[in-house]
Amino acid sequence: MSEKKQPKKADEEKCDHDHKHDQGLGKINLETAKKIQELQIVEQNIQNIVIQKQTFQMELNEILNALSELQNSKGETYKIVGSIMINSDKAALEKDLKSKEESLNLRIKNMEKQENILRERLLKTREEVMRELG
């Protein structure tokens, strides 16, 4: 039994030499490719920081709302601990909430600094890549 070879489709054709064909990035040197990879990593880091910062901002809003409610409350105040609510001193609650507010503000400020540093690095690296490609 002789088998007939099916003609290869254009996208299945291979050449006889050992290399990858140009996929549009064939002229990029190794250093530029590394910078492009660094760009992707920096962009991912910025996204992670933005998500973390948003989480802290939501927590801060909850703290600020709780402080506002606490200041407007008259009579007994309660604190949720785990799955129970316990009677708590208003001044102690206020002190605790203000401490959390301060901590969250510092975290947010730190996240903003990191974000700004990464954005500057992103712009600098992007300019380098564009200069090397252009």
C-alpha atoms as a PDB file:
ATOM      1  CA  MET A   1       0.000   0.000   0.000  1.00  0.00           C
ATOM      2  CA  SER A   2       1.401   3.300  -0.981  1.00  0.00           C
ATOM      3  CA  GLU A   3       0.388   6.388   0.929  1.00  0.00           C
ATOM      4  CA  LYS A   4      -0.101   9.608  -0.923  1.00  0.00           C
ATOM      5  CA  LYS A   5       1.307  12.676   0.756  1.00  0.00           C
ATOM      6  CA  GLN A   6      -1.260  15.356   1.314  1.00  0.00           C
ATOM      7  CA  PRO A   7      -0.132  18.807   0.207  1.00  0.00           C
ATOM      8  CA  LYS A   8       0.733  21.017   3.153  1.00  0.00           C
ATOM      9  CA  LYS A   9      -1.368  24.020   3.918  1.00  0.00           C
ATOM     10  CA  ALA A  10       0.384  27.374   3.764  1.00  0.00           C
ATOM     11  CA  ASP A  11       0.388  27.792   7.553  1.00  0.00           C
ATOM     12  CA  GLU A  12       1.860  24.304   8.045  1.00  0.00           C
ATOM     13  CA  GLU A  13       4.779  24.786   5.671  1.00  0.00           C
ATOM     14  CA  LYS A  14       8.214  24.565   7.208  1.00  0.00           C
ATOM     15  CA  CYS A  15      11.497  25.523   5.705  1.00  0.00           C
ATOM     16  CA  ASP A  16      14.590  23.345   5.667  1.00  0.00           C
ATOM     17  CA  HIS A  17      16.716  25.521   7.925  1.00  0.00           C
ATOM     18  CA  ASP A  18      16.685  25.696  11.711  1.00  0.00           C
ATOM     19  CA  HIS A  19      15.253  29.048  12.875  1.00  0.00           C
ATOM     20  CA  LYS A  20      12.037  30.756  13.796  1.00  0.00           C
ATOM     21  CA  HIS A  21      10.351  32.864  11.195  1.00  0.00           C
ATOM     22  CA  ASP A  22       9.884  36.563  11.687  1.00  0.00           C
ATOM     23  CA  GLN A  23       6.680  37.165  13.646  1.00  0.00           C
ATOM     24  CA  GLY A  24       6.996  40.945  13.431  1.00  0.00           C
ATOM     25  CA  LEU A  25       9.561  41.146  16.242  1.00  0.00           C
ATOM     26  CA  GLY A  26      12.486  39.545  14.457  1.00  0.00           C
ATOM     27  CA  LYS A  27      14.598  42.691  14.446  1.00  0.00           C
ATOM     28  CA  ILE A  28      14.431  43.202  18.219  1.00  0.00           C
ATOM     29  CA  ASN A  29      17.668  42.570  20.021  1.00  0.00           C
ATOM     30  CA  LEU A  30      17.808  40.694  23.315  1.00  0.00           C
ATOM     31  CA  GLU A  31      18.156  43.849  25.427  1.00  0.00           C
ATOM     32  CA  THR A  32      15.043  45.395  23.874  1.00  0.00           C
ATOM     33  CA  ALA A  33      13.100  42.173  24.382  1.00  0.00           C
ATOM     34  CA  LYS A  34      14.091  42.205  28.056  1.00  0.00           C
ATOM     35  CA  LYS A  35      12.909  45.810  28.356  1.00  0.00           C
ATOM     36  CA  ILE A  36       9.569  44.886  26.782  1.00  0.00           C
ATOM     37  CA  GLN A  37       9.239  42.071  29.313  1.00  0.00           C
ATOM     38  CA  GLU A  38      10.141  44.511  32.093  1.00  0.00           C
ATOM     39  CA  LEU A  39       7.405  46.863  30.823  1.00  0.00           C
ATOM     40  CA  GLN A  40       4.844  44.091  31.165  1.00  0.00           C
ATOM     41  CA  ILE A  41       6.011  43.270  34.693  1.00  0.00           C
ATOM     42  CA  VAL A  42       5.959  46.933  35.760  1.00  0.00           C
ATOM     43  CA  GLU A  43       2.452  47.370  34.324  1.00  0.00           C
ATOM     44  CA  GLN A  44       1.312  44.309  36.267  1.00  0.00           C
ATOM     45  CA  ASN A  45       2.895  45.671  39.462  1.00  0.00           C
ATOM     46  CA  ILE A  46       1.126  49.004  38.960  1.00  0.00           C
ATOM     47  CA  GLN A  47      -2.208  47.189  38.558  1.00  0.00           C
ATOM     48  CA  ASN A  48      -1.584  45.247  41.775  1.00  0.00           C
ATOM     49  CA  ILE A  49      -0.718  48.417  43.679  1.00  0.00           C
ATOM     50  CA  VAL A  50      -3.813  50.205  42.356  1.00  0.00           C
ATOM     51  CA  ILE A  51      -6.016  47.300  43.488  1.00  0.00           C
ATOM     52  CA  GLN A  52      -4.372  47.269  46.932  1.00  0.00           C
ATOM     53  CA  LYS A  53      -4.726  51.039  47.211  1.00  0.00           C
ATOM     54  CA  GLN A  54      -8.426  50.839  46.314  1.00  0.00           C
ATOM     55  CA  THR A  55      -8.918  48.188  48.995  1.00  0.00           C
ATOM     56  CA  PHE A  56      -7.261  50.436  51.584  1.00  0.00           C
ATOM     57  CA  GLN A  57      -9.377  53.394  50.425  1.00  0.00           C
ATOM     58  CA  MET A  58     -12.570  51.353  50.851  1.00  0.00           C
ATOM     59  CA  GLU A  59     -11.473  50.350  54.356  1.00  0.00           C
ATOM     60  CA  LEU A  60     -10.683  53.994  55.119  1.00  0.00           C
ATOM     61  CA  ASN A  61     -14.158  55.052  53.966  1.00  0.00           C
ATOM     62  CA  GLU A  62     -15.691  52.463  56.302  1.00  0.00           C
ATOM     63  CA  ILE A  63     -13.568  53.779  59.183  1.00  0.00           C
ATOM     64  CA  LEU A  64     -14.566  57.379  58.433  1.00  0.00           C
ATOM     65  CA  ASN A  65     -18.255  56.401  58.286  1.00  0.00           C
ATOM     66  CA  ALA A  66     -17.916  54.544  61.580  1.00  0.00           C
ATOM     67  CA  LEU A  67     -16.234  57.581  63.175  1.00  0.00           C
ATOM     68  CA  SER A  68     -19.019  59.826  61.929  1.00  0.00           C
ATOM     69  CA  GLU A  69     -21.691  57.494  63.309  1.00  0.00           C
ATOM     70  CA  LEU A  70     -19.817  57.213  66.584  1.00  0.00           C
ATOM     71  CA  GLN A  71     -19.598  60.982  66.990  1.00  0.00           C
ATOM     72  CA  ASN A  72     -23.333  61.330  66.313  1.00  0.00           C
ATOM     73  CA  SER A  73     -24.300  58.505  68.649  1.00  0.00           C
ATOM     74  CA  LYS A  74     -25.818  59.107  72.053  1.00  0.00           C
ATOM     75  CA  GLY A  75     -25.952  56.435  74.706  1.00  0.00           C
ATOM     76  CA  GLU A  76     -24.288  53.042  74.569  1.00  0.00           C
ATOM     77  CA  THR A  77     -21.806  52.067  71.861  1.00  0.00           C
ATOM     78  CA  TYR A  78     -20.924  48.597  70.644  1.00  0.00           C
ATOM     79  CA  LYS A  79     -18.041  46.947  68.862  1.00  0.00           C
ATOM     80  CA  ILE A  80     -18.228  43.860  66.677  1.00  0.00           C
ATOM     81  CA  VAL A  81     -15.650  41.255  67.641  1.00  0.00           C
ATOM     82  CA  GLY A  82     -15.759  38.177  65.451  1.00  0.00           C
ATOM     83  CA  SER A  83     -19.404  37.223  65.252  1.00  0.00           C
ATOM     84  CA  ILE A  84     -20.558  38.995  68.422  1.00  0.00           C
ATOM     85  CA  MET A  85     -21.288  42.573  69.384  1.00  0.00           C
ATOM     86  CA  ILE A  86     -19.973  43.780  72.726  1.00  0.00           C
ATOM     87  CA  ASN A  87     -20.626  46.943  74.679  1.00  0.00           C
ATOM     88  CA  SER A  88     -17.631  49.240  74.387  1.00  0.00           C
ATOM     89  CA  ASP A  89     -16.467  52.603  75.678  1.00  0.00           C
ATOM     90  CA  LYS A  90     -17.123  55.358  73.119  1.00  0.00           C
ATOM     91  CA  ALA A  91     -13.759  57.062  73.736  1.00  0.00           C
ATOM     92  CA  ALA A  92     -11.883  53.765  73.348  1.00  0.00           C
ATOM     93  CA  LEU A  93     -13.743  53.012  70.114  1.00  0.00           C
ATOM     94  CA  GLU A  94     -12.977  56.461  68.775  1.00  0.00           C
ATOM     95  CA  LYS A  95      -9.284  56.096  69.673  1.00  0.00           C
ATOM     96  CA  ASP A  96      -9.152  52.681  67.975  1.00  0.00           C
ATOM     97  CA  LEU A  97     -10.862  53.961  64.808  1.00  0.00           C
ATOM     98  CA  LYS A  98      -8.587  57.016  64.603  1.00  0.00           C
ATOM     99  CA  SER A  99      -5.558  54.757  64.964  1.00  0.00           C
ATOM    100  CA  LYS A 100      -6.835  52.571  62.098  1.00  0.00           C
ATOM    101  CA  GLU A 101      -7.529  55.692  60.034  1.00  0.00           C
ATOM    102  CA  GLU A 102      -3.975  56.918  60.561  1.00  0.00           C
ATOM    103  CA  SER A 103      -2.542  53.513  59.641  1.00  0.00           C
ATOM    104  CA  LEU A 104      -4.641  53.293  56.459  1.00  0.00           C
ATOM    105  CA  ASN A 105      -3.681  56.832  55.436  1.00  0.00           C
ATOM    106  CA  LEU A 106       0.001  55.882  55.765  1.00  0.00           C
ATOM    107  CA  ARG A 107      -0.520  52.724  53.738  1.00  0.00           C
ATOM    108  CA  ILE A 108      -2.354  54.621  51.007  1.00  0.00           C
ATOM    109  CA  LYS A 109       0.398  57.256  50.917  1.00  0.00           C
ATOM    110  CA  ASN A 110       3.017  54.493  50.639  1.00  0.00           C
ATOM    111  CA  MET A 111       1.054  52.816  47.826  1.00  0.00           C
ATOM    112  CA  GLU A 112       0.858  56.153  45.978  1.00  0.00           C
ATOM    113  CA  LYS A 113       4.640  56.614  46.283  1.00  0.00           C
ATOM    114  CA  GLN A 114       5.262  53.107  44.951  1.00  0.00           C
ATOM    115  CA  GLU A 115       2.779  53.672  42.142  1.00  0.00           C
ATOM    116  CA  ASN A 116       4.467  56.956  41.146  1.00  0.00           C
ATOM    117  CA  ILE A 117       7.939  55.345  41.168  1.00  0.00           C
ATOM    118  CA  LEU A 118       6.688  52.486  38.988  1.00  0.00           C
ATOM    119  CA  ARG A 119       4.902  54.855  36.601  1.00  0.00           C
ATOM    120  CA  GLU A 120       8.130  56.876  36.159  1.00  0.00           C
ATOM    121  CA  ARG A 121      10.043  53.643  35.520  1.00  0.00           C
ATOM    122  CA  LEU A 122       7.364  52.561  33.045  1.00  0.00           C
ATOM    123  CA  LEU A 123       7.605  55.840  31.101  1.00  0.00           C
ATOM    124  CA  LYS A 124      11.418  55.758  31.053  1.00  0.00           C
ATOM    125  CA  THR A 125      11.556  52.131  29.901  1.00  0.00           C
ATOM    126  CA  ARG A 126       8.810  52.703  27.312  1.00  0.00           C
ATOM    127  CA  GLU A 127      10.755  55.670  25.893  1.00  0.00           C
ATOM    128  CA  GLU A 128      13.914  53.533  25.687  1.00  0.00           C
ATOM    129  CA  VAL A 129      12.057  50.748  23.882  1.00  0.00           C
ATOM    130  CA  MET A 130      10.436  53.168  21.438  1.00  0.00           C
ATOM    131  CA  ARG A 131      13.813  54.793  20.744  1.00  0.00           C
ATOM    132  CA  GLU A 132      15.393  51.368  20.094  1.00  0.00           C
ATOM    133  CA  LEU A 133      12.520  50.267  17.863  1.00  0.00           C
ATOM    134  CA  GLY A 134      12.133  53.563  16.027  1.00  0.00           C
END
